[in-house]
Structures are given as C-alpha cells and as structure tokens.
All heavy atoms as atom14 arrays in JSON, in Angstrom:
{
  "sequence": "GPVFMSVSRKLPPGWPEDAFTRIWSMPAHLAEDSSQELDRVAAGRP",
  "atom14_mask": [
    [1, 1, 1, 1, 0, 0, 0, 0, 0, 0, 0, 0, 0, 0],
    [1, 1, 1, 1, 1, 1, 1, 0, 0, 0, 0, 0, 0, 0],
    [1, 1, 1, 1, 1, 1, 1, 0, 0, 0, 0, 0, 0, 0],
    [1, 1, 1, 1, 1, 1, 1, 1, 1, 1, 1, 0, 0, 0],
    [1, 1, 1, 1, 1, 1, 1, 1, 0, 0, 0, 0, 0, 0],
    [1, 1, 1, 1, 1, 1, 0, 0, 0, 0, 0, 0, 0, 0],
    [1, 1, 1, 1, 1, 1, 1, 0, 0, 0, 0, 0, 0, 0],
    [1, 1, 1, 1, 1, 1, 0, 0, 0, 0, 0, 0, 0, 0],
    [1, 1, 1, 1, 1, 1, 1, 1, 1, 1, 1, 0, 0, 0],
    [1, 1, 1, 1, 1, 1, 1, 1, 1, 0, 0, 0, 0, 0],
    [1, 1, 1, 1, 1, 1, 1, 1, 0, 0, 0, 0, 0, 0],
    [1, 1, 1, 1, 1, 1, 1, 0, 0, 0, 0, 0, 0, 0],
    [1, 1, 1, 1, 1, 1, 1, 0, 0, 0, 0, 0, 0, 0],
    [1, 1, 1, 1, 0, 0, 0, 0, 0, 0, 0, 0, 0, 0],
    [1, 1, 1, 1, 1, 1, 1, 1, 1, 1, 1, 1, 1, 1],
    [1, 1, 1, 1, 1, 1, 1, 0, 0, 0, 0, 0, 0, 0],
    [1, 1, 1, 1, 1, 1, 1, 1, 1, 0, 0, 0, 0, 0],
    [1, 1, 1, 1, 1, 1, 1, 1, 0, 0, 0, 0, 0, 0],
    [1, 1, 1, 1, 1, 0, 0, 0, 0, 0, 0, 0, 0, 0],
    [1, 1, 1, 1, 1, 1, 1, 1, 1, 1, 1, 0, 0, 0],
    [1, 1, 1, 1, 1, 1, 1, 0, 0, 0, 0, 0, 0, 0],
    [1, 1, 1, 1, 1, 1, 1, 1, 1, 1, 1, 0, 0, 0],
    [1, 1, 1, 1, 1, 1, 1, 1, 0, 0, 0, 0, 0, 0],
    [1, 1, 1, 1, 1, 1, 1, 1, 1, 1, 1, 1, 1, 1],
    [1, 1, 1, 1, 1, 1, 0, 0, 0, 0, 0, 0, 0, 0],
    [1, 1, 1, 1, 1, 1, 1, 1, 0, 0, 0, 0, 0, 0],
    [1, 1, 1, 1, 1, 1, 1, 0, 0, 0, 0, 0, 0, 0],
    [1, 1, 1, 1, 1, 0, 0, 0, 0, 0, 0, 0, 0, 0],
    [1, 1, 1, 1, 1, 1, 1, 1, 1, 1, 0, 0, 0, 0],
    [1, 1, 1, 1, 1, 1, 1, 1, 0, 0, 0, 0, 0, 0],
    [1, 1, 1, 1, 1, 0, 0, 0, 0, 0, 0, 0, 0, 0],
    [1, 1, 1, 1, 1, 1, 1, 1, 1, 0, 0, 0, 0, 0],
    [1, 1, 1, 1, 1, 1, 1, 1, 0, 0, 0, 0, 0, 0],
    [1, 1, 1, 1, 1, 1, 0, 0, 0, 0, 0, 0, 0, 0],
    [1, 1, 1, 1, 1, 1, 0, 0, 0, 0, 0, 0, 0, 0],
    [1, 1, 1, 1, 1, 1, 1, 1, 1, 0, 0, 0, 0, 0],
    [1, 1, 1, 1, 1, 1, 1, 1, 1, 0, 0, 0, 0, 0],
    [1, 1, 1, 1, 1, 1, 1, 1, 0, 0, 0, 0, 0, 0],
    [1, 1, 1, 1, 1, 1, 1, 1, 0, 0, 0, 0, 0, 0],
    [1, 1, 1, 1, 1, 1, 1, 1, 1, 1, 1, 0, 0, 0],
    [1, 1, 1, 1, 1, 1, 1, 0, 0, 0, 0, 0, 0, 0],
    [1, 1, 1, 1, 1, 0, 0, 0, 0, 0, 0, 0, 0, 0],
    [1, 1, 1, 1, 1, 0, 0, 0, 0, 0, 0, 0, 0, 0],
    [1, 1, 1, 1, 0, 0, 0, 0, 0, 0, 0, 0, 0, 0],
    [1, 1, 1, 1, 1, 1, 1, 1, 1, 1, 1, 0, 0, 0],
    [1, 1, 1, 1, 1, 1, 1, 0, 0, 0, 0, 0, 0, 0]
  ],
  "atom14_positions": [
    [[103.35, -71.5, 5.93], [103.75, -70.34, 6.72], [102.63, -69.5, 7.23], [101.48, -69.76, 6.72], [0.0, 0.0, 0.0], [0.0, 0.0, 0.0], [0.0, 0.0, 0.0], [0.0, 0.0, 0.0], [0.0, 0.0, 0.0], [0.0, 0.0, 0.0], [0.0, 0.0, 0.0], [0.0, 0.0, 0.0], [0.0, 0.0, 0.0], [0.0, 0.0, 0.0]],
    [[102.92, -68.5, 7.98], [101.72, -67.7, 8.47], [101.06, -66.81, 7.38], [101.72, -66.48, 6.4], [102.32, -66.7, 9.49], [103.74, -66.55, 9.09], [104.18, -67.96, 8.39], [0.0, 0.0, 0.0], [0.0, 0.0, 0.0], [0.0, 0.0, 0.0], [0.0, 0.0, 0.0], [0.0, 0.0, 0.0], [0.0, 0.0, 0.0], [0.0, 0.0, 0.0]],
    [[99.75, -66.65, 7.52], [98.94, -65.85, 6.67], [98.4, -64.67, 7.51], [97.76, -64.97, 8.48], [97.93, -66.51, 5.97], [96.94, -65.66, 5.19], [98.42, -67.67, 5.01], [0.0, 0.0, 0.0], [0.0, 0.0, 0.0], [0.0, 0.0, 0.0], [0.0, 0.0, 0.0], [0.0, 0.0, 0.0], [0.0, 0.0, 0.0], [0.0, 0.0, 0.0]],
    [[98.64, -63.34, 7.13], [98.18, -62.33, 7.85], [96.91, -61.73, 7.16], [96.97, -61.39, 6.01], [99.21, -61.24, 7.95], [100.5, -61.7, 8.72], [101.45, -62.31, 7.85], [100.65, -61.68, 10.03], [102.6, -62.91, 8.48], [101.76, -62.1, 10.59], [102.7, -62.74, 9.86], [0.0, 0.0, 0.0], [0.0, 0.0, 0.0], [0.0, 0.0, 0.0]],
    [[95.81, -61.54, 7.88], [94.67, -61.06, 7.21], [94.11, -59.84, 8.11], [94.03, -59.83, 9.34], [93.59, -62.05, 7.37], [93.91, -63.41, 6.61], [92.8, -64.68, 6.8], [91.55, -64.28, 5.65], [0.0, 0.0, 0.0], [0.0, 0.0, 0.0], [0.0, 0.0, 0.0], [0.0, 0.0, 0.0], [0.0, 0.0, 0.0], [0.0, 0.0, 0.0]],
    [[93.74, -58.91, 7.38], [93.27, -57.63, 7.91], [91.89, -57.41, 7.44], [91.75, -57.27, 6.16], [94.3, -56.46, 7.73], [93.87, -55.29, 8.37], [0.0, 0.0, 0.0], [0.0, 0.0, 0.0], [0.0, 0.0, 0.0], [0.0, 0.0, 0.0], [0.0, 0.0, 0.0], [0.0, 0.0, 0.0], [0.0, 0.0, 0.0], [0.0, 0.0, 0.0]],
    [[90.88, -57.03, 8.2], [89.62, -56.82, 7.8], [89.19, -55.33, 8.49], [89.46, -55.15, 9.62], [88.58, -57.77, 8.26], [87.1, -57.46, 7.84], [88.93, -59.14, 7.81], [0.0, 0.0, 0.0], [0.0, 0.0, 0.0], [0.0, 0.0, 0.0], [0.0, 0.0, 0.0], [0.0, 0.0, 0.0], [0.0, 0.0, 0.0], [0.0, 0.0, 0.0]],
    [[88.83, -54.44, 7.54], [88.66, -53.11, 8.09], [87.5, -52.48, 7.31], [87.08, -52.86, 6.27], [89.92, -52.28, 7.72], [89.8, -50.83, 8.12], [0.0, 0.0, 0.0], [0.0, 0.0, 0.0], [0.0, 0.0, 0.0], [0.0, 0.0, 0.0], [0.0, 0.0, 0.0], [0.0, 0.0, 0.0], [0.0, 0.0, 0.0], [0.0, 0.0, 0.0]],
    [[86.9, -51.5, 8.07], [85.84, -50.67, 7.52], [86.43, -49.38, 6.71], [85.65, -48.65, 6.05], [84.83, -50.12, 8.54], [84.09, -51.17, 9.28], [82.94, -50.64, 10.01], [82.26, -51.76, 10.53], [81.27, -52.43, 9.82], [80.97, -52.18, 8.64], [80.58, -53.37, 10.38], [0.0, 0.0, 0.0], [0.0, 0.0, 0.0], [0.0, 0.0, 0.0]],
    [[87.75, -49.27, 6.67], [88.31, -48.1, 5.9], [89.29, -48.75, 4.89], [89.98, -49.79, 5.07], [89.1, -47.42, 6.81], [88.28, -46.72, 7.96], [88.31, -45.22, 7.8], [87.53, -44.61, 9.07], [86.79, -43.64, 8.72], [0.0, 0.0, 0.0], [0.0, 0.0, 0.0], [0.0, 0.0, 0.0], [0.0, 0.0, 0.0], [0.0, 0.0, 0.0]],
    [[89.35, -48.0, 3.71], [90.33, -48.39, 2.72], [91.74, -48.08, 3.21], [91.96, -46.97, 3.68], [89.96, -47.63, 1.58], [90.56, -47.93, 0.16], [90.23, -49.36, -0.21], [90.13, -46.95, -0.97], [0.0, 0.0, 0.0], [0.0, 0.0, 0.0], [0.0, 0.0, 0.0], [0.0, 0.0, 0.0], [0.0, 0.0, 0.0], [0.0, 0.0, 0.0]],
    [[92.74, -49.06, 3.04], [93.91, -48.85, 3.51], [94.53, -47.65, 2.86], [94.31, -47.53, 1.6], [94.83, -50.12, 3.22], [93.72, -51.16, 3.04], [92.54, -50.36, 2.52], [0.0, 0.0, 0.0], [0.0, 0.0, 0.0], [0.0, 0.0, 0.0], [0.0, 0.0, 0.0], [0.0, 0.0, 0.0], [0.0, 0.0, 0.0], [0.0, 0.0, 0.0]],
    [[95.39, -46.77, 3.51], [95.97, -45.61, 2.85], [96.79, -46.02, 1.61], [97.5, -46.98, 1.62], [96.88, -45.04, 3.86], [96.33, -45.54, 5.14], [95.66, -46.78, 4.91], [0.0, 0.0, 0.0], [0.0, 0.0, 0.0], [0.0, 0.0, 0.0], [0.0, 0.0, 0.0], [0.0, 0.0, 0.0], [0.0, 0.0, 0.0], [0.0, 0.0, 0.0]],
    [[96.46, -45.35, 0.41], [97.32, -45.49, -0.73], [96.74, -46.7, -1.61], [97.34, -46.93, -2.65], [0.0, 0.0, 0.0], [0.0, 0.0, 0.0], [0.0, 0.0, 0.0], [0.0, 0.0, 0.0], [0.0, 0.0, 0.0], [0.0, 0.0, 0.0], [0.0, 0.0, 0.0], [0.0, 0.0, 0.0], [0.0, 0.0, 0.0], [0.0, 0.0, 0.0]],
    [[95.64, -47.37, -1.19], [95.1, -48.4, -1.93], [93.92, -47.96, -2.67], [92.99, -47.35, -2.13], [94.76, -49.56, -0.97], [95.81, -50.4, -0.32], [96.84, -49.9, 0.37], [96.14, -51.74, -0.74], [97.71, -51.01, 0.72], [97.25, -51.99, 0.15], [95.46, -52.85, -1.31], [97.77, -53.42, 0.09], [95.93, -54.11, -1.25], [97.16, -54.34, -0.55]],
    [[93.81, -48.29, -3.9], [92.5, -47.98, -4.68], [91.44, -49.0, -4.31], [91.75, -50.2, -4.13], [92.99, -48.03, -6.16], [94.1, -49.04, -6.14], [94.82, -48.8, -4.78], [0.0, 0.0, 0.0], [0.0, 0.0, 0.0], [0.0, 0.0, 0.0], [0.0, 0.0, 0.0], [0.0, 0.0, 0.0], [0.0, 0.0, 0.0], [0.0, 0.0, 0.0]],
    [[90.18, -48.66, -4.44], [89.19, -49.58, -4.09], [89.1, -50.72, -5.07], [88.71, -51.82, -4.72], [87.81, -48.87, -4.08], [86.63, -49.7, -3.72], [85.31, -48.98, -3.57], [85.37, -47.76, -3.22], [84.32, -49.6, -3.53], [0.0, 0.0, 0.0], [0.0, 0.0, 0.0], [0.0, 0.0, 0.0], [0.0, 0.0, 0.0], [0.0, 0.0, 0.0]],
    [[89.53, -50.48, -6.32], [89.49, -51.59, -7.34], [90.65, -52.59, -7.12], [90.71, -53.58, -7.9], [89.47, -50.98, -8.73], [90.75, -50.24, -9.14], [91.68, -50.11, -8.28], [90.66, -49.65, -10.3], [0.0, 0.0, 0.0], [0.0, 0.0, 0.0], [0.0, 0.0, 0.0], [0.0, 0.0, 0.0], [0.0, 0.0, 0.0], [0.0, 0.0, 0.0]],
    [[91.46, -52.41, -6.18], [92.45, -53.48, -5.71], [91.81, -54.6, -5.01], [92.45, -55.67, -4.76], [93.58, -52.9, -4.92], [0.0, 0.0, 0.0], [0.0, 0.0, 0.0], [0.0, 0.0, 0.0], [0.0, 0.0, 0.0], [0.0, 0.0, 0.0], [0.0, 0.0, 0.0], [0.0, 0.0, 0.0], [0.0, 0.0, 0.0], [0.0, 0.0, 0.0]],
    [[90.51, -54.55, -4.69], [89.85, -55.46, -3.78], [88.78, -56.25, -4.68], [88.1, -55.56, -5.56], [89.16, -54.87, -2.69], [90.16, -54.34, -1.58], [90.67, -52.96, -1.76], [90.57, -54.97, -0.49], [91.6, -52.45, -0.94], [91.42, -54.47, 0.26], [91.99, -53.14, 0.18], [0.0, 0.0, 0.0], [0.0, 0.0, 0.0], [0.0, 0.0, 0.0]],
    [[88.72, -57.42, -4.42], [87.63, -58.17, -5.12], [86.3, -58.19, -4.3], [86.28, -58.71, -3.18], [88.08, -59.66, -5.29], [89.35, -59.72, -6.01], [86.97, -60.48, -6.02], [0.0, 0.0, 0.0], [0.0, 0.0, 0.0], [0.0, 0.0, 0.0], [0.0, 0.0, 0.0], [0.0, 0.0, 0.0], [0.0, 0.0, 0.0], [0.0, 0.0, 0.0]],
    [[85.26, -57.7, -4.93], [83.98, -57.69, -4.21], [83.5, -59.1, -4.22], [83.28, -59.77, -5.19], [82.92, -56.88, -4.9], [81.65, -56.54, -4.16], [80.77, -55.59, -5.0], [81.48, -54.32, -5.25], [81.47, -53.3, -4.34], [80.92, -53.44, -3.12], [82.1, -52.19, -4.56], [0.0, 0.0, 0.0], [0.0, 0.0, 0.0], [0.0, 0.0, 0.0]],
    [[83.21, -59.49, -2.98], [82.73, -60.91, -2.77], [81.27, -60.95, -2.21], [80.69, -62.1, -2.25], [83.63, -61.76, -1.78], [83.61, -61.18, -0.35], [85.01, -61.8, -2.4], [84.27, -62.12, 0.58], [0.0, 0.0, 0.0], [0.0, 0.0, 0.0], [0.0, 0.0, 0.0], [0.0, 0.0, 0.0], [0.0, 0.0, 0.0], [0.0, 0.0, 0.0]],
    [[80.7, -59.91, -1.94], [79.33, -59.86, -1.49], [78.68, -58.53, -1.9], [79.33, -57.4, -1.6], [79.27, -60.02, -0.02], [77.97, -60.14, 0.55], [77.2, -59.07, 1.02], [77.07, -61.27, 0.63], [76.0, -59.56, 1.51], [75.86, -60.84, 1.27], [77.23, -62.67, 0.29], [74.88, -61.82, 1.46], [76.28, -63.52, 0.53], [75.11, -63.02, 1.09]],
    [[77.52, -58.49, -2.37], [76.83, -57.26, -2.66], [75.61, -57.33, -1.84], [74.8, -58.28, -1.89], [76.44, -57.13, -4.03], [77.6, -56.95, -4.91], [0.0, 0.0, 0.0], [0.0, 0.0, 0.0], [0.0, 0.0, 0.0], [0.0, 0.0, 0.0], [0.0, 0.0, 0.0], [0.0, 0.0, 0.0], [0.0, 0.0, 0.0], [0.0, 0.0, 0.0]],
    [[75.37, -56.28, -1.04], [74.12, -56.25, -0.22], [73.02, -55.85, -1.03], [73.01, -55.06, -1.96], [74.36, -55.22, 0.97], [73.09, -55.14, 1.84], [73.36, -53.82, 3.05], [74.56, -54.63, 4.13], [0.0, 0.0, 0.0], [0.0, 0.0, 0.0], [0.0, 0.0, 0.0], [0.0, 0.0, 0.0], [0.0, 0.0, 0.0], [0.0, 0.0, 0.0]],
    [[71.85, -56.74, -0.99], [70.73, -56.31, -1.7], [70.22, -54.95, -1.45], [70.42, -54.42, -0.32], [69.61, -57.24, -1.22], [70.4, -58.34, -0.6], [71.64, -57.76, -0.07], [0.0, 0.0, 0.0], [0.0, 0.0, 0.0], [0.0, 0.0, 0.0], [0.0, 0.0, 0.0], [0.0, 0.0, 0.0], [0.0, 0.0, 0.0], [0.0, 0.0, 0.0]],
    [[69.85, -54.14, -2.43], [69.56, -52.68, -2.44], [68.55, -52.31, -1.27], [68.85, -51.39, -0.45], [68.91, -52.26, -3.65], [0.0, 0.0, 0.0], [0.0, 0.0, 0.0], [0.0, 0.0, 0.0], [0.0, 0.0, 0.0], [0.0, 0.0, 0.0], [0.0, 0.0, 0.0], [0.0, 0.0, 0.0], [0.0, 0.0, 0.0], [0.0, 0.0, 0.0]],
    [[67.62, -53.17, -0.92], [66.63, -52.86, 0.01], [67.24, -53.05, 1.44], [66.88, -52.1, 2.38], [65.35, -53.7, -0.01], [65.51, -55.17, 0.36], [66.04, -55.98, -0.45], [65.24, -55.81, 1.54], [66.11, -57.2, 0.03], [65.57, -57.08, 1.34], [0.0, 0.0, 0.0], [0.0, 0.0, 0.0], [0.0, 0.0, 0.0], [0.0, 0.0, 0.0]],
    [[68.16, -53.88, 1.6], [68.99, -53.99, 2.85], [69.88, -52.86, 3.0], [70.14, -52.31, 4.16], [69.66, -55.32, 3.0], [68.69, -56.52, 3.1], [69.56, -57.87, 3.11], [67.76, -56.45, 4.31], [0.0, 0.0, 0.0], [0.0, 0.0, 0.0], [0.0, 0.0, 0.0], [0.0, 0.0, 0.0], [0.0, 0.0, 0.0], [0.0, 0.0, 0.0]],
    [[70.64, -52.51, 1.98], [71.56, -51.29, 2.03], [70.73, -50.11, 2.55], [71.27, -49.28, 3.24], [72.33, -51.23, 0.7], [0.0, 0.0, 0.0], [0.0, 0.0, 0.0], [0.0, 0.0, 0.0], [0.0, 0.0, 0.0], [0.0, 0.0, 0.0], [0.0, 0.0, 0.0], [0.0, 0.0, 0.0], [0.0, 0.0, 0.0], [0.0, 0.0, 0.0]],
    [[69.65, -49.79, 1.9], [68.85, -48.8, 2.21], [68.32, -48.72, 3.74], [68.52, -47.78, 4.4], [67.59, -48.56, 1.29], [66.76, -47.36, 1.54], [65.64, -47.35, 0.62], [65.9, -47.42, -0.69], [64.44, -47.15, 1.1], [0.0, 0.0, 0.0], [0.0, 0.0, 0.0], [0.0, 0.0, 0.0], [0.0, 0.0, 0.0], [0.0, 0.0, 0.0]],
    [[67.86, -49.93, 4.25], [67.58, -50.05, 5.55], [68.76, -49.65, 6.41], [68.62, -48.92, 7.45], [67.08, -51.41, 5.87], [65.77, -51.77, 5.13], [65.18, -50.83, 4.61], [65.4, -52.97, 5.26], [0.0, 0.0, 0.0], [0.0, 0.0, 0.0], [0.0, 0.0, 0.0], [0.0, 0.0, 0.0], [0.0, 0.0, 0.0], [0.0, 0.0, 0.0]],
    [[69.93, -50.08, 6.2], [71.17, -49.93, 7.01], [71.45, -48.49, 6.93], [71.85, -47.94, 7.98], [72.3, -50.79, 6.34], [72.11, -52.12, 6.54], [0.0, 0.0, 0.0], [0.0, 0.0, 0.0], [0.0, 0.0, 0.0], [0.0, 0.0, 0.0], [0.0, 0.0, 0.0], [0.0, 0.0, 0.0], [0.0, 0.0, 0.0], [0.0, 0.0, 0.0]],
    [[71.41, -47.86, 5.85], [71.73, -46.43, 5.53], [70.75, -45.59, 6.57], [71.18, -44.74, 7.28], [71.6, -45.99, 4.27], [71.76, -44.62, 4.14], [0.0, 0.0, 0.0], [0.0, 0.0, 0.0], [0.0, 0.0, 0.0], [0.0, 0.0, 0.0], [0.0, 0.0, 0.0], [0.0, 0.0, 0.0], [0.0, 0.0, 0.0], [0.0, 0.0, 0.0]],
    [[69.5, -45.86, 6.45], [68.52, -45.19, 7.34], [68.85, -45.36, 8.86], [68.72, -44.43, 9.59], [67.03, -45.76, 7.1], [66.68, -45.29, 5.72], [65.24, -46.0, 5.34], [64.72, -46.7, 6.06], [64.81, -45.72, 4.13], [0.0, 0.0, 0.0], [0.0, 0.0, 0.0], [0.0, 0.0, 0.0], [0.0, 0.0, 0.0], [0.0, 0.0, 0.0]],
    [[69.19, -46.62, 9.15], [69.4, -46.81, 10.61], [70.8, -46.1, 11.15], [70.86, -45.44, 12.06], [69.7, -48.41, 10.92], [70.0, -48.67, 12.27], [70.06, -50.08, 12.65], [69.82, -51.0, 11.79], [70.38, -50.63, 13.76], [0.0, 0.0, 0.0], [0.0, 0.0, 0.0], [0.0, 0.0, 0.0], [0.0, 0.0, 0.0], [0.0, 0.0, 0.0]],
    [[71.79, -46.01, 10.22], [72.96, -45.18, 10.5], [72.78, -43.85, 10.63], [73.25, -43.23, 11.55], [74.08, -45.55, 9.44], [74.62, -47.0, 9.42], [75.64, -47.19, 8.24], [75.46, -47.2, 10.72], [0.0, 0.0, 0.0], [0.0, 0.0, 0.0], [0.0, 0.0, 0.0], [0.0, 0.0, 0.0], [0.0, 0.0, 0.0], [0.0, 0.0, 0.0]],
    [[71.82, -43.28, 9.8], [71.46, -41.93, 9.95], [70.74, -41.56, 11.19], [71.1, -40.55, 11.8], [70.51, -41.55, 8.73], [71.22, -41.52, 7.38], [72.49, -41.45, 7.33], [70.47, -41.51, 6.3], [0.0, 0.0, 0.0], [0.0, 0.0, 0.0], [0.0, 0.0, 0.0], [0.0, 0.0, 0.0], [0.0, 0.0, 0.0], [0.0, 0.0, 0.0]],
    [[69.94, -42.39, 11.56], [69.22, -42.28, 12.94], [70.33, -42.23, 14.09], [70.19, -41.54, 15.0], [68.14, -43.35, 13.23], [66.89, -43.2, 12.5], [65.84, -44.21, 13.03], [66.19, -45.5, 12.95], [65.83, -46.26, 11.94], [65.28, -45.78, 10.81], [66.17, -47.57, 11.9], [0.0, 0.0, 0.0], [0.0, 0.0, 0.0], [0.0, 0.0, 0.0]],
    [[71.19, -43.23, 14.05], [72.17, -43.4, 15.09], [73.1, -42.17, 15.06], [73.31, -41.56, 16.23], [73.05, -44.69, 14.93], [74.21, -44.61, 16.0], [72.22, -45.85, 15.15], [0.0, 0.0, 0.0], [0.0, 0.0, 0.0], [0.0, 0.0, 0.0], [0.0, 0.0, 0.0], [0.0, 0.0, 0.0], [0.0, 0.0, 0.0], [0.0, 0.0, 0.0]],
    [[73.39, -41.65, 13.94], [74.33, -40.52, 13.78], [73.63, -39.26, 14.35], [74.27, -38.38, 14.92], [74.78, -40.21, 12.29], [0.0, 0.0, 0.0], [0.0, 0.0, 0.0], [0.0, 0.0, 0.0], [0.0, 0.0, 0.0], [0.0, 0.0, 0.0], [0.0, 0.0, 0.0], [0.0, 0.0, 0.0], [0.0, 0.0, 0.0], [0.0, 0.0, 0.0]],
    [[72.29, -39.19, 14.19], [71.5, -37.99, 14.7], [71.12, -38.2, 16.19], [70.57, -37.31, 16.76], [70.25, -37.89, 13.83], [0.0, 0.0, 0.0], [0.0, 0.0, 0.0], [0.0, 0.0, 0.0], [0.0, 0.0, 0.0], [0.0, 0.0, 0.0], [0.0, 0.0, 0.0], [0.0, 0.0, 0.0], [0.0, 0.0, 0.0], [0.0, 0.0, 0.0]],
    [[71.65, -39.43, 16.64], [71.3, -39.63, 18.12], [69.84, -40.01, 18.39], [69.38, -39.85, 19.38], [0.0, 0.0, 0.0], [0.0, 0.0, 0.0], [0.0, 0.0, 0.0], [0.0, 0.0, 0.0], [0.0, 0.0, 0.0], [0.0, 0.0, 0.0], [0.0, 0.0, 0.0], [0.0, 0.0, 0.0], [0.0, 0.0, 0.0], [0.0, 0.0, 0.0]],
    [[69.08, -40.37, 17.41], [67.7, -40.86, 17.49], [67.53, -42.35, 17.41], [67.95, -42.87, 16.37], [66.89, -40.18, 16.4], [65.36, -40.52, 16.55], [64.48, -39.92, 15.54], [64.61, -40.66, 14.17], [63.86, -41.83, 13.95], [63.25, -42.32, 15.04], [63.96, -42.4, 12.91], [0.0, 0.0, 0.0], [0.0, 0.0, 0.0], [0.0, 0.0, 0.0]],
    [[67.23, -43.03, 18.4], [67.0, -44.4, 18.4], [65.76, -44.78, 17.65], [65.13, -43.92, 17.29], [66.88, -44.77, 19.91], [66.31, -43.62, 20.54], [66.89, -42.47, 19.83], [0.0, 0.0, 0.0], [0.0, 0.0, 0.0], [0.0, 0.0, 0.0], [0.0, 0.0, 0.0], [0.0, 0.0, 0.0], [0.0, 0.0, 0.0], [0.0, 0.0, 0.0]]
  ]
}
C-alpha cells in the first residue's frame, strides 16, 4: 500500500525530538561553517 513520507526543517507540532532516529551527524567543522553562512545571510551580508 502507499507510504507517506514527510521531510521538514521543523519539528512537527506535539512531537518530541527524541521520537526521531538520527541517521546523520554533520561533522562539527561543517556545522560551524553552515552556521556562519546562515548568520551572514540572515544579516543580509553575502
């Protein structure tokens, strides 16, 4: 039968984060780079 899959950047309302199985951990240096880039974008600085 059909399988419904939803992928989101937000936690579904009423769901605890520990209800999800972590299948990928971003290496710390990449997470830091992404965070810096997001901060620049949020500040409007390319």
